Amino acid sequence: MAKKHDFGRRVARARAVINVTARELDRRAALTEGMTSMIEAGDRGRRPTVGTVTALARALGVSPEWLVSGVGQGPAKPLAAEPAAPAEAS
């Protein structure tokens, strides 16, 4: 069974992958300012609504199921930087 704070940890992980601030995620998901920080800290006294989960999943590019349970489409791994092309001899 998933623990309540696991949801917040998954939000934080996915947010880190797309490299946005909590405030920016609030904006992208149309959440009240500070909601993402509260969720990540586990400060919400109740479970997030279906609408909040759906909005966060859409903004993070993950499935709602993954946010809730850890099963399903999680965050895409960031692409590794491509090596620099060797300089051509002049």
Protein backbone atom coordinates (compact mmCIF):
# COMPACT_ATOMS: atom_id res chain seq x y z
CA MET A 1 0.00 0.00 0.00
CA ALA A 2 1.37 3.42 -0.94
CA LYS A 3 2.10 5.82 1.86
CA LYS A 4 0.59 9.29 1.84
CA HIS A 5 3.95 11.03 1.39
CA ASP A 6 4.88 8.85 -1.62
CA PHE A 7 2.59 10.97 -3.80
CA GLY A 8 4.53 14.10 -2.83
CA ARG A 9 7.84 12.39 -3.48
CA ARG A 10 6.71 11.36 -6.95
CA VAL A 11 5.55 14.92 -7.70
CA ALA A 12 8.96 16.24 -6.58
CA ARG A 13 10.81 13.64 -8.65
CA ALA A 14 8.84 14.36 -11.82
CA ARG A 15 9.18 18.10 -11.26
CA ALA A 16 12.97 17.75 -10.95
CA VAL A 17 13.11 15.84 -14.25
CA ILE A 18 11.36 18.64 -16.13
CA ASN A 19 13.37 21.23 -14.16
CA VAL A 20 10.62 23.59 -13.03
CA THR A 21 10.04 25.30 -9.72
CA ALA A 22 7.12 24.43 -7.47
CA ARG A 23 5.65 27.84 -8.21
CA GLU A 24 5.89 27.22 -11.97
CA LEU A 25 4.24 23.82 -11.57
CA ASP A 26 1.41 25.48 -9.61
CA ARG A 27 0.95 27.82 -12.56
CA ARG A 28 1.12 25.10 -15.23
CA ALA A 29 -1.34 22.89 -13.36
CA ALA A 30 -3.61 25.83 -12.44
CA LEU A 31 -3.22 25.10 -8.73
CA THR A 32 -3.37 27.54 -5.85
CA GLU A 33 0.04 29.09 -5.24
CA GLY A 34 1.95 26.98 -2.74
CA MET A 35 -0.05 23.79 -3.38
CA THR A 36 2.86 21.92 -4.98
CA SER A 37 5.14 22.74 -2.05
CA MET A 38 2.49 21.56 0.41
CA ILE A 39 1.95 18.32 -1.52
CA GLU A 40 5.68 17.61 -1.76
CA ALA A 41 6.13 18.25 1.97
CA GLY A 42 3.17 16.00 2.82
CA ASP A 43 1.40 18.93 4.48
CA ARG A 44 -1.99 18.29 2.92
CA GLY A 45 -4.37 16.95 5.51
CA ARG A 46 -6.26 14.92 2.93
CA ARG A 47 -5.59 13.13 -0.30
CA PRO A 48 -5.47 15.26 -3.44
CA THR A 49 -8.62 15.43 -5.52
CA VAL A 50 -8.91 13.64 -8.85
CA GLY A 51 -8.76 17.06 -10.52
CA THR A 52 -5.49 17.94 -8.77
CA VAL A 53 -3.92 14.59 -9.64
CA THR A 54 -5.01 14.93 -13.27
CA ALA A 55 -3.75 18.52 -13.56
CA LEU A 56 -0.39 17.64 -12.00
CA ALA A 57 0.00 14.55 -14.20
CA ARG A 58 -0.71 16.57 -17.34
CA ALA A 59 1.71 19.34 -16.33
CA LEU A 60 4.43 16.83 -15.39
CA GLY A 61 4.00 14.56 -18.41
CA VAL A 62 3.28 11.45 -16.33
CA SER A 63 0.24 9.26 -15.85
CA PRO A 64 -2.14 9.94 -12.98
CA GLU A 65 -1.73 6.28 -11.99
CA TRP A 66 2.03 6.75 -11.57
CA LEU A 67 1.54 9.78 -9.33
CA VAL A 68 -0.90 7.89 -7.11
CA SER A 69 0.63 4.41 -7.04
CA GLY A 70 4.05 4.49 -8.69
CA VAL A 71 2.80 2.17 -11.44
CA GLY A 72 2.44 3.41 -15.00
CA GLN A 73 4.15 6.09 -17.05
CA GLY A 74 6.60 7.95 -14.85
CA PRO A 75 8.88 10.82 -15.75
CA ALA A 76 11.08 10.52 -18.80
CA LYS A 77 14.71 10.41 -17.89
CA PRO A 78 16.55 13.57 -18.86
CA LEU A 79 18.62 13.16 -21.99
CA ALA A 80 22.35 12.99 -21.42
CA ALA A 81 24.29 15.82 -22.95
CA GLU A 82 25.63 14.88 -26.32
CA PRO A 83 29.42 14.81 -26.58
CA ALA A 84 30.97 17.72 -28.39
CA ALA A 85 31.93 17.04 -31.98
CA PRO A 86 35.69 16.83 -32.48
CA ALA A 87 37.22 19.93 -34.00
CA GLU A 88 38.32 19.55 -37.59
CA ALA A 89 41.99 20.09 -38.37
CA SER A 90 42.69 23.23 -40.35
